Amino acid sequence: MPAVNTSSLHPAVFILMGFPGIEHLQHWLSVPFTVLYITALAANSILILVIRLEKSLHSPMYLFLCMLAMVDIGLCTSTIPKVLEVLWLDNKDISFEGCFIQMFFIYIFAALESSVLVMMAYDRYIAIYYPLRYTVILSRTLIAKIFVAFLIRNVILPGLIPTLASRLPYCSSNIIPHCYCDHMAVVKLACANITMNSYYGLFVAFFGWVIDVIFIASSYVMILRAVSKLGSKAACLKALNTCGSHLFVIFCFYIMSLLNYLLYRFGNGFPPHVHNIFSVLYLLIPPVLNPIVYSVRTKEIRQAFLKHFLKRKCVMDHH
């Protein structure tokens, strides 16, 4: 497909190429992506509904889990529908404004995912260090204030990335060798110096995710110290079990993020379609796994699901 309006500094549309090099397989790729997307939507929606319906789950821990599920829906929905449109319908056009709006929401929801994981680590720290004052300390007012503070940070810092990118002149080409408006894939089309954009992206990554990871790691160091002082082995295992699901979710999200970042910076030897496939999975795998992991590992969620969806009465195990 020929480039459109490339003489303009701001082309009317960008053209998403999908997965260069394996165009003949793109329809097959759409099948697992569609299944994963539907699974992510269904699993997270059911988790939110279960928490909403079951009054015994109206505690800070499950409120944070509900936040994570909503952010996961936003994270994959900001990208995957357009990816599937490219794969299923071969509709590769995206408007100039639409491209940067998509980029904006990708960064906002990815940053919010990291922020919610920080709040969940703080939740586990309070639950283990101050179990008797848990609901008093983590009041709904405090949770709302923390979330608003993170939201402001995530709108201002990551939100500037697409804003700066949209101000670049795009006079050479409007063909994006990707299946969605990925930041680096877009700015490489600019006929201007993109050093500032690259450095600002690094700054946001450090100020956002690196600081978040340091805070999470510090929380778990404190948690491990508290657990080590517990008298019985059973008490230690119970305390660690409450953190197991969260730790899995943390490792899944940050390892996927790190691999995606390394592919960008040092993956020039990889074929473009490999990077494109991984960048889609990076936005799909955490939203699919998070609700499944919590539902499988958390007895209260399983029982609430059986109660409200399968109409089975479950006897709570107090042992």
Protein backbone atom coordinates (compact mmCIF):
# COMPACT_ATOMS: atom_id res chain seq x y z
CA MET A 1 0.00 0.00 0.00
CA PRO A 2 1.51 3.39 -0.92
CA ALA A 3 2.26 6.00 1.69
CA VAL A 4 -0.41 8.66 2.04
CA ASN A 5 0.25 12.40 2.32
CA THR A 6 3.92 12.00 3.19
CA SER A 7 4.68 15.52 2.03
CA SER A 8 2.93 16.88 5.12
CA LEU A 9 4.72 17.27 8.44
CA HIS A 10 1.67 15.64 10.02
CA PRO A 11 0.28 12.95 7.68
CA ALA A 12 -3.47 12.40 7.79
CA VAL A 13 -2.98 8.71 8.54
CA PHE A 14 -0.31 6.25 9.53
CA ILE A 15 -0.23 2.78 7.99
CA LEU A 16 0.33 -0.15 10.35
CA MET A 17 2.20 -2.95 8.57
CA GLY A 18 1.36 -5.60 11.16
CA PHE A 19 4.08 -8.25 11.23
CA PRO A 20 6.59 -7.57 8.41
CA GLY A 21 8.16 -10.76 7.08
CA ILE A 22 5.32 -13.12 7.96
CA GLU A 23 2.37 -11.42 6.24
CA HIS A 24 1.15 -14.81 5.00
CA LEU A 25 0.73 -16.00 8.60
CA GLN A 26 -1.04 -12.93 9.96
CA HIS A 27 -4.53 -14.48 9.80
CA TRP A 28 -3.27 -17.46 11.81
CA LEU A 29 -1.72 -15.11 14.38
CA SER A 30 -5.10 -13.50 14.88
CA VAL A 31 -6.53 -16.73 16.34
CA PRO A 32 -4.38 -16.95 19.52
CA PHE A 33 -4.50 -13.16 19.95
CA THR A 34 -8.31 -13.22 19.77
CA VAL A 35 -8.55 -16.12 22.24
CA LEU A 36 -6.17 -14.40 24.68
CA TYR A 37 -8.02 -11.09 24.41
CA ILE A 38 -11.45 -12.66 25.00
CA THR A 39 -10.01 -14.63 27.93
CA ALA A 40 -8.53 -11.46 29.45
CA LEU A 41 -11.83 -9.57 29.13
CA ALA A 42 -13.92 -12.44 30.50
CA ALA A 43 -11.60 -13.41 33.37
CA ASN A 44 -11.08 -9.85 34.61
CA SER A 45 -14.77 -8.95 34.25
CA ILE A 46 -15.82 -12.06 36.22
CA LEU A 47 -13.24 -11.27 38.91
CA ILE A 48 -14.56 -7.70 39.27
CA LEU A 49 -18.16 -8.97 39.42
CA VAL A 50 -17.34 -11.63 42.02
CA ILE A 51 -15.63 -9.07 44.27
CA ARG A 52 -18.54 -6.66 43.83
CA LEU A 53 -21.21 -9.29 44.63
CA GLU A 54 -19.48 -10.90 47.63
CA LYS A 55 -19.59 -8.59 50.66
CA SER A 56 -16.91 -10.59 52.48
CA LEU A 57 -14.46 -9.52 49.75
CA HIS A 58 -15.03 -5.79 50.34
CA SER A 59 -11.62 -5.35 51.98
CA PRO A 60 -8.54 -3.36 50.83
CA MET A 61 -6.78 -6.43 49.41
CA TYR A 62 -9.66 -7.23 47.05
CA LEU A 63 -10.24 -3.57 46.24
CA PHE A 64 -6.66 -3.42 44.93
CA LEU A 65 -7.26 -6.65 43.01
CA CYS A 66 -10.37 -5.07 41.47
CA MET A 67 -8.26 -2.06 40.44
CA LEU A 68 -5.71 -4.38 38.85
CA ALA A 69 -8.43 -6.16 36.88
CA MET A 70 -9.83 -2.85 35.57
CA VAL A 71 -6.36 -1.65 34.58
CA ASP A 72 -5.69 -4.99 32.82
CA ILE A 73 -8.87 -4.57 30.76
CA GLY A 74 -7.77 -1.06 29.81
CA LEU A 75 -4.22 -2.18 28.99
CA CYS A 76 -5.19 -4.82 26.44
CA THR A 77 -8.21 -2.92 25.09
CA SER A 78 -6.07 0.12 24.28
CA THR A 79 -4.19 -1.98 21.73
CA ILE A 80 -5.62 -5.38 20.80
CA PRO A 81 -8.83 -4.30 18.96
CA LYS A 82 -6.73 -2.35 16.44
CA VAL A 83 -4.24 -5.23 16.16
CA LEU A 84 -7.12 -7.60 15.37
CA GLU A 85 -8.53 -5.10 12.88
CA VAL A 86 -5.19 -5.16 11.06
CA LEU A 87 -5.06 -8.97 11.13
CA TRP A 88 -8.71 -9.84 10.45
CA LEU A 89 -9.83 -7.03 8.14
CA ASP A 90 -6.49 -5.89 6.73
CA ASN A 91 -7.49 -2.35 7.77
CA LYS A 92 -4.05 -0.85 8.36
CA ASP A 93 -4.95 2.85 8.48
CA ILE A 94 -4.97 4.79 11.74
CA SER A 95 -5.44 8.53 11.92
CA PHE A 96 -2.57 10.76 13.04
CA GLU A 97 -4.46 11.80 16.18
CA GLY A 98 -5.75 8.27 16.81
CA CYS A 99 -2.21 6.90 16.72
CA PHE A 100 -0.99 9.18 19.51
CA ILE A 101 -4.18 8.74 21.53
CA GLN A 102 -3.58 4.97 21.40
CA MET A 103 0.05 5.51 22.45
CA PHE A 104 -1.13 7.72 25.33
CA PHE A 105 -3.46 5.07 26.73
CA ILE A 106 -0.89 2.29 26.34
CA TYR A 107 1.57 4.23 28.49
CA ILE A 108 -1.06 5.33 31.01
CA PHE A 109 -2.39 1.82 31.62
CA ALA A 110 1.08 0.22 31.70
CA ALA A 111 2.16 2.81 34.28
CA LEU A 112 -1.05 2.29 36.27
CA GLU A 113 -0.41 -1.47 36.30
CA SER A 114 2.96 -0.83 37.93
CA SER A 115 1.36 1.60 40.40
CA VAL A 116 -1.33 -0.88 41.44
CA LEU A 117 1.35 -3.53 42.03
CA VAL A 118 3.09 -1.04 44.35
CA MET A 119 -0.16 -0.46 46.25
CA MET A 120 -0.68 -4.22 46.54
CA ALA A 121 2.83 -4.64 47.98
CA TYR A 122 2.06 -1.93 50.54
CA ASP A 123 -1.21 -3.71 51.32
CA ARG A 124 0.63 -6.98 52.06
CA TYR A 125 3.17 -5.10 54.20
CA ILE A 126 0.41 -3.54 56.34
CA ALA A 127 -1.50 -6.85 56.57
CA ILE A 128 1.55 -8.67 57.97
CA TYR A 129 3.06 -5.89 60.10
CA TYR A 130 -0.17 -4.42 61.50
CA PRO A 131 -2.85 -7.13 61.15
CA LEU A 132 -5.08 -5.74 63.91
CA ARG A 133 -5.09 -2.22 62.44
CA TYR A 134 -5.17 -3.32 58.79
CA THR A 135 -8.59 -1.94 57.80
CA VAL A 136 -8.08 1.20 59.92
CA ILE A 137 -4.77 2.11 58.26
CA LEU A 138 -5.90 1.21 54.73
CA SER A 139 -9.12 3.19 54.79
CA ARG A 140 -10.97 3.87 51.56
CA THR A 141 -10.01 7.54 51.86
CA LEU A 142 -6.29 6.70 52.01
CA ILE A 143 -6.58 4.22 49.11
CA ALA A 144 -8.36 6.87 47.01
CA LYS A 145 -5.68 9.48 47.79
CA ILE A 146 -2.85 7.07 46.90
CA PHE A 147 -4.55 6.08 43.65
CA VAL A 148 -5.17 9.72 42.65
CA ALA A 149 -1.51 10.57 43.39
CA PHE A 150 -0.33 7.71 41.17
CA LEU A 151 -2.86 8.67 38.49
CA ILE A 152 -1.53 12.24 38.38
CA ARG A 153 2.06 10.97 38.14
CA ASN A 154 1.16 8.53 35.39
CA VAL A 155 -0.80 11.06 33.33
CA ILE A 156 1.91 13.72 33.52
CA LEU A 157 5.14 11.71 33.07
CA PRO A 158 4.25 8.87 30.64
CA GLY A 159 1.57 11.08 29.08
CA LEU A 160 4.25 13.47 27.82
CA ILE A 161 5.83 10.71 25.70
CA PRO A 162 3.10 10.71 23.00
CA THR A 163 2.74 14.50 23.35
CA LEU A 164 6.40 15.04 22.48
CA ALA A 165 6.25 12.42 19.74
CA SER A 166 3.22 14.08 18.12
CA ARG A 167 5.16 17.35 17.77
CA LEU A 168 7.87 15.79 15.59
CA PRO A 169 7.79 16.35 11.83
CA TYR A 170 6.85 13.21 9.88
CA CYS A 171 7.86 14.08 6.33
CA SER A 172 9.67 10.94 5.15
CA SER A 173 7.17 8.10 5.57
CA ASN A 174 3.94 7.25 7.34
CA ILE A 175 4.36 3.47 7.23
CA ILE A 176 4.82 2.02 10.75
CA PRO A 177 6.54 -1.41 10.74
CA HIS A 178 4.36 -2.53 13.66
CA CYS A 179 0.81 -3.66 14.43
CA TYR A 180 0.01 -0.72 16.75
CA CYS A 181 1.39 2.74 17.48
CA ASP A 182 4.43 1.76 19.49
CA HIS A 183 6.46 4.79 20.58
CA MET A 184 9.87 3.93 19.13
CA ALA A 185 8.39 2.45 15.96
CA VAL A 186 6.59 5.76 15.33
CA VAL A 187 9.32 8.27 16.26
CA LYS A 188 11.84 6.49 14.04
CA LEU A 189 9.74 7.75 11.10
CA ALA A 190 10.37 11.38 12.09
CA CYS A 191 12.67 13.48 9.94
CA ALA A 192 14.21 15.11 13.02
CA ASN A 193 16.55 14.31 15.89
CA ILE A 194 14.74 11.96 18.32
CA THR A 195 17.48 11.89 21.00
CA MET A 196 15.32 13.87 23.46
CA ASN A 197 12.41 11.49 22.93
CA SER A 198 14.64 8.50 23.60
CA TYR A 199 16.20 10.03 26.72
CA TYR A 200 12.84 11.14 28.06
CA GLY A 201 11.56 7.58 27.62
CA LEU A 202 14.51 6.35 29.67
CA PHE A 203 13.80 8.98 32.34
CA VAL A 204 10.15 7.91 32.60
CA ALA A 205 11.19 4.23 32.81
CA PHE A 206 13.59 5.04 35.67
CA PHE A 207 11.34 7.46 37.55
CA GLY A 208 8.35 5.18 37.14
CA TRP A 209 9.08 1.48 37.01
CA VAL A 210 12.55 1.41 38.59
CA ILE A 211 11.37 3.38 41.63
CA ASP A 212 8.23 1.20 41.79
CA VAL A 213 10.36 -1.97 41.74
CA ILE A 214 12.62 -0.58 44.50
CA PHE A 215 9.56 0.19 46.64
CA ILE A 216 8.08 -3.29 46.04
CA ALA A 217 11.42 -4.96 46.83
CA SER A 218 11.75 -2.91 50.04
CA SER A 219 8.22 -3.90 51.08
CA TYR A 220 8.99 -7.58 50.62
CA VAL A 221 12.28 -7.32 52.50
CA MET A 222 10.29 -5.94 55.44
CA ILE A 223 7.67 -8.67 54.97
CA LEU A 224 10.33 -11.40 55.01
CA ARG A 225 11.83 -9.91 58.17
CA ALA A 226 8.43 -9.98 59.87
CA VAL A 227 7.68 -13.52 58.67
CA SER A 228 11.04 -14.79 59.92
CA LYS A 229 10.11 -13.63 63.44
CA LEU A 230 6.87 -15.62 63.51
CA GLY A 231 7.02 -18.49 65.94
CA SER A 232 5.41 -21.38 64.11
CA LYS A 233 6.19 -22.78 60.68
CA ALA A 234 2.47 -22.89 59.86
CA ALA A 235 2.15 -19.16 60.55
CA CYS A 236 5.14 -18.46 58.28
CA LEU A 237 3.68 -20.53 55.45
CA LYS A 238 0.27 -18.85 55.80
CA ALA A 239 1.85 -15.39 55.68
CA LEU A 240 3.98 -16.25 52.65
CA ASN A 241 1.03 -17.88 50.88
CA THR A 242 -0.90 -14.59 51.00
CA CYS A 243 2.00 -12.99 49.09
CA GLY A 244 2.56 -15.82 46.60
CA SER A 245 0.00 -14.70 44.02
CA HIS A 246 1.18 -11.10 44.16
CA LEU A 247 4.82 -12.11 43.71
CA PHE A 248 3.93 -14.20 40.64
CA VAL A 249 2.02 -11.27 39.12
CA ILE A 250 4.93 -8.90 39.87
CA PHE A 251 7.52 -11.16 38.23
CA CYS A 252 5.29 -11.76 35.22
CA PHE A 253 4.67 -8.07 34.55
CA TYR A 254 8.17 -6.72 35.19
CA ILE A 255 10.01 -9.56 33.42
CA MET A 256 7.80 -9.07 30.35
CA SER A 257 8.42 -5.31 30.56
CA LEU A 258 12.19 -5.80 30.89
CA LEU A 259 12.36 -8.23 27.97
CA ASN A 260 10.30 -5.87 25.81
CA TYR A 261 12.64 -2.98 26.71
CA LEU A 262 15.78 -5.03 26.01
CA LEU A 263 14.41 -6.09 22.63
CA TYR A 264 13.96 -2.42 21.78
CA ARG A 265 17.39 -1.30 22.87
CA PHE A 266 19.55 -4.28 21.94
CA GLY A 267 17.43 -6.52 19.70
CA ASN A 268 18.52 -5.23 16.30
CA GLY A 269 19.52 -8.77 15.29
CA PHE A 270 15.98 -10.10 15.78
CA PRO A 271 13.51 -10.13 12.85
CA PRO A 272 10.89 -7.34 13.17
CA HIS A 273 7.99 -9.78 13.47
CA VAL A 274 9.58 -11.41 16.55
CA HIS A 275 9.68 -8.11 18.35
CA ASN A 276 6.16 -7.21 17.21
CA ILE A 277 4.73 -10.52 18.44
CA PHE A 278 6.45 -10.15 21.80
CA SER A 279 5.26 -6.55 22.20
CA VAL A 280 1.66 -7.75 21.70
CA LEU A 281 2.12 -10.61 24.19
CA TYR A 282 3.61 -8.12 26.67
CA LEU A 283 0.23 -6.35 26.67
CA LEU A 284 -1.81 -9.59 26.67
CA ILE A 285 -0.14 -12.14 28.95
CA PRO A 286 -0.37 -10.22 32.29
CA PRO A 287 -4.10 -9.38 31.81
CA VAL A 288 -4.78 -13.05 31.04
CA LEU A 289 -2.70 -14.56 33.84
CA ASN A 290 -3.45 -12.11 36.69
CA PRO A 291 -7.14 -12.98 37.30
CA ILE A 292 -6.52 -16.69 36.71
CA VAL A 293 -3.63 -16.82 39.21
CA TYR A 294 -5.59 -14.97 41.90
CA SER A 295 -8.73 -17.02 41.31
CA VAL A 296 -6.87 -20.35 41.49
CA ARG A 297 -4.73 -19.45 44.52
CA THR A 298 -7.29 -17.50 46.59
CA LYS A 299 -9.82 -19.70 48.34
CA GLU A 300 -12.21 -16.83 49.12
CA ILE A 301 -12.48 -15.87 45.44
CA ARG A 302 -13.08 -19.49 44.41
CA GLN A 303 -15.83 -19.86 46.98
CA ALA A 304 -17.46 -16.57 46.00
CA PHE A 305 -17.41 -17.63 42.34
CA LEU A 306 -19.07 -20.96 43.15
CA LYS A 307 -21.64 -19.21 45.33
CA HIS A 308 -22.70 -16.52 42.87
CA PHE A 309 -22.16 -18.19 39.50
CA LEU A 310 -22.67 -21.90 40.13
CA LYS A 311 -25.11 -21.42 43.06
CA ARG A 312 -23.17 -23.78 45.30
CA LYS A 313 -23.00 -23.15 49.00
CA CYS A 314 -19.45 -23.39 50.25
CA VAL A 315 -18.47 -24.04 53.81
CA MET A 316 -15.66 -21.75 54.91
CA ASP A 317 -12.59 -23.60 56.10
CA HIS A 318 -11.41 -22.01 59.34
CA HIS A 319 -8.62 -24.49 59.98
